[in-house]
Amino acid sequence: MNPVVGVIRWLAKVCVLAYVCLVPGLSGSAWAQTFKMPCDVEGTIPSLDDRKLDAAKVVVEIQSLGKNVFLKINGPKLYQVQVTSLTTEEFDGKNLTTAKEMGAYKKHRKTGLESEIRLQREPIMLHAFHDVSYYGKITRVHVDGPCTFTP
């Protein structure tokens, strides 16, 4: 075998190995890191005579990528809210971040359902709402409560 062909084959193997080992690690670094913050919240439904929901522990997930904010509340079903400042074909999004709070708002273009999450900075307080269908009527659920910063 020609020594040049052997070197080319060896280089090809090294390149394939480097691609297989390095590219998956690099592709993960393109994603924004998710920051999670626990909150103790209570929900209310104003249209049902300010009906109070059971207090719950939820986790707010925060991501920021460029000028876009992604916020998500994980917890019991009526407390689950997800918003982004991105505008897409389905949703209109808005970044509500100011010096005093971080937040985002979204509205579904076809149904008109709205969601919003705001995190007040000092003290750290969660304020959110989202529209749900309740016996065929659109009803707004409000979620409020303190959060704990865990570095």
Protein backbone atom coordinates (compact mmCIF):
# COMPACT_ATOMS: atom_id res chain seq x y z
CA MET A 1 0.00 0.00 0.00
CA ASN A 2 1.16 3.48 -0.83
CA PRO A 3 2.22 5.37 2.37
CA VAL A 4 0.31 8.49 1.27
CA VAL A 5 -2.94 6.48 1.04
CA GLY A 6 -2.30 5.10 4.54
CA VAL A 7 -1.85 8.60 5.98
CA ILE A 8 -5.01 9.85 4.24
CA ARG A 9 -7.03 6.92 5.63
CA TRP A 10 -5.64 7.57 9.11
CA LEU A 11 -6.53 11.29 8.88
CA ALA A 12 -10.03 10.40 7.68
CA LYS A 13 -10.53 8.12 10.70
CA VAL A 14 -9.29 10.85 13.07
CA CYS A 15 -11.65 13.41 11.48
CA VAL A 16 -14.66 11.07 11.77
CA LEU A 17 -13.79 10.27 15.39
CA ALA A 18 -13.40 13.97 16.23
CA TYR A 19 -16.74 14.76 14.58
CA VAL A 20 -18.56 11.98 16.44
CA CYS A 21 -17.04 12.94 19.81
CA LEU A 22 -16.98 16.74 19.65
CA VAL A 23 -20.04 17.87 17.69
CA PRO A 24 -22.69 16.57 20.15
CA GLY A 25 -20.96 18.49 22.96
CA LEU A 26 -20.76 21.67 20.92
CA SER A 27 -24.37 21.51 19.77
CA GLY A 28 -25.57 21.48 23.38
CA SER A 29 -23.67 24.68 24.15
CA ALA A 30 -25.83 26.61 21.66
CA TRP A 31 -28.87 26.26 23.94
CA ALA A 32 -29.55 28.77 26.70
CA GLN A 33 -28.99 27.53 30.23
CA THR A 34 -32.21 27.00 32.21
CA PHE A 35 -32.39 28.71 35.61
CA LYS A 36 -34.94 27.16 38.00
CA MET A 37 -36.48 28.95 40.96
CA PRO A 38 -38.95 27.50 43.51
CA CYS A 39 -42.03 29.54 44.44
CA ASP A 40 -44.91 29.17 46.92
CA VAL A 41 -48.00 30.37 45.10
CA GLU A 42 -51.73 30.71 45.43
CA GLY A 43 -54.12 30.94 42.52
CA THR A 44 -57.37 32.86 42.19
CA ILE A 45 -60.10 32.93 39.58
CA PRO A 46 -61.60 36.45 39.61
CA SER A 47 -64.58 35.59 37.38
CA LEU A 48 -65.72 32.97 39.92
CA ASP A 49 -66.06 35.41 42.83
CA ASP A 50 -62.28 35.38 43.43
CA ARG A 51 -62.32 31.64 44.05
CA LYS A 52 -59.04 30.60 45.66
CA LEU A 53 -57.11 27.56 44.48
CA ASP A 54 -55.12 25.39 46.85
CA ALA A 55 -51.68 26.79 47.60
CA ALA A 56 -48.90 24.99 45.76
CA LYS A 57 -45.17 24.76 45.33
CA VAL A 58 -44.13 25.44 41.74
CA VAL A 59 -40.86 25.84 39.88
CA VAL A 60 -40.30 28.72 37.48
CA GLU A 61 -37.92 27.95 34.61
CA ILE A 62 -36.17 30.96 33.07
CA GLN A 63 -34.22 31.07 29.82
CA SER A 64 -32.90 34.04 27.92
CA LEU A 65 -31.52 33.83 24.40
CA GLY A 66 -30.55 37.15 22.89
CA LYS A 67 -33.44 39.58 23.39
CA ASN A 68 -35.94 36.74 23.86
CA VAL A 69 -37.22 35.53 27.23
CA PHE A 70 -38.70 32.08 27.86
CA LEU A 71 -40.58 31.51 31.14
CA LYS A 72 -42.41 28.40 32.31
CA ILE A 73 -44.24 27.53 35.54
CA ASN A 74 -44.20 23.82 36.43
CA GLY A 75 -46.64 22.62 39.05
CA PRO A 76 -50.25 21.47 39.44
CA LYS A 77 -52.35 21.69 36.26
CA LEU A 78 -54.06 25.04 36.88
CA TYR A 79 -50.71 26.60 37.77
CA GLN A 80 -48.90 25.53 34.58
CA VAL A 81 -48.11 28.52 32.37
CA GLN A 82 -45.62 28.90 29.53
CA VAL A 83 -44.76 32.16 27.78
CA THR A 84 -42.14 33.48 25.41
CA SER A 85 -41.40 36.88 23.99
CA LEU A 86 -41.04 35.35 20.51
CA THR A 87 -43.68 36.12 17.90
CA THR A 88 -44.59 33.16 15.68
CA GLU A 89 -47.34 32.25 13.22
CA GLU A 90 -49.51 31.05 16.14
CA PHE A 91 -48.60 33.48 18.92
CA ASP A 92 -47.83 37.15 19.46
CA GLY A 93 -45.14 37.49 22.11
CA LYS A 94 -43.81 40.46 24.03
CA ASN A 95 -40.83 40.94 26.33
CA LEU A 96 -42.04 42.73 29.49
CA THR A 97 -38.62 42.98 31.15
CA THR A 98 -37.84 46.30 32.87
CA ALA A 99 -35.41 47.42 35.57
CA LYS A 100 -37.88 46.27 38.25
CA GLU A 101 -39.12 42.97 36.79
CA MET A 102 -38.57 40.25 34.21
CA GLY A 103 -41.48 38.98 32.19
CA ALA A 104 -43.09 37.88 28.97
CA TYR A 105 -46.57 37.85 27.47
CA LYS A 106 -48.14 35.74 24.72
CA LYS A 107 -51.47 35.77 22.93
CA HIS A 108 -52.79 33.03 20.67
CA ARG A 109 -53.71 34.64 17.35
CA LYS A 110 -56.73 32.41 16.57
CA THR A 111 -58.28 31.82 19.99
CA GLY A 112 -57.28 35.07 21.71
CA LEU A 113 -56.12 33.15 24.81
CA GLU A 114 -53.53 35.15 26.76
CA SER A 115 -50.75 34.23 29.19
CA GLU A 116 -48.27 36.33 31.13
CA ILE A 117 -45.52 35.68 33.66
CA ARG A 118 -43.74 38.47 35.55
CA LEU A 119 -41.04 38.10 38.20
CA GLN A 120 -40.59 41.13 40.43
CA ARG A 121 -36.90 41.53 41.34
CA GLU A 122 -36.96 42.96 44.91
CA PRO A 123 -38.45 41.08 46.74
CA ILE A 124 -38.71 38.17 44.31
CA MET A 125 -42.44 37.76 43.64
CA LEU A 126 -44.19 35.79 40.92
CA HIS A 127 -47.22 37.31 39.21
CA ALA A 128 -48.83 35.39 36.36
CA PHE A 129 -52.10 34.76 34.60
CA HIS A 130 -53.38 32.51 31.87
CA ASP A 131 -56.71 31.90 30.19
CA VAL A 132 -58.36 28.48 30.45
CA SER A 133 -61.63 27.01 29.24
CA TYR A 134 -63.98 26.34 32.18
CA TYR A 135 -67.32 24.75 31.25
CA GLY A 136 -67.04 26.26 27.78
CA LYS A 137 -66.24 29.77 29.02
CA ILE A 138 -62.84 31.43 28.88
CA THR A 139 -61.70 32.09 32.44
CA ARG A 140 -58.54 33.79 33.65
CA VAL A 141 -56.46 32.16 36.40
CA HIS A 142 -54.14 34.44 38.42
CA VAL A 143 -51.06 33.03 40.15
CA ASP A 144 -49.14 35.01 42.79
CA GLY A 145 -46.55 34.27 45.43
CA PRO A 146 -42.99 34.65 46.72
CA CYS A 147 -40.01 32.88 45.17
CA THR A 148 -36.70 31.81 46.64
CA PHE A 149 -33.39 32.61 44.97
CA THR A 150 -31.04 29.62 45.17
CA PRO A 151 -27.63 30.35 43.57
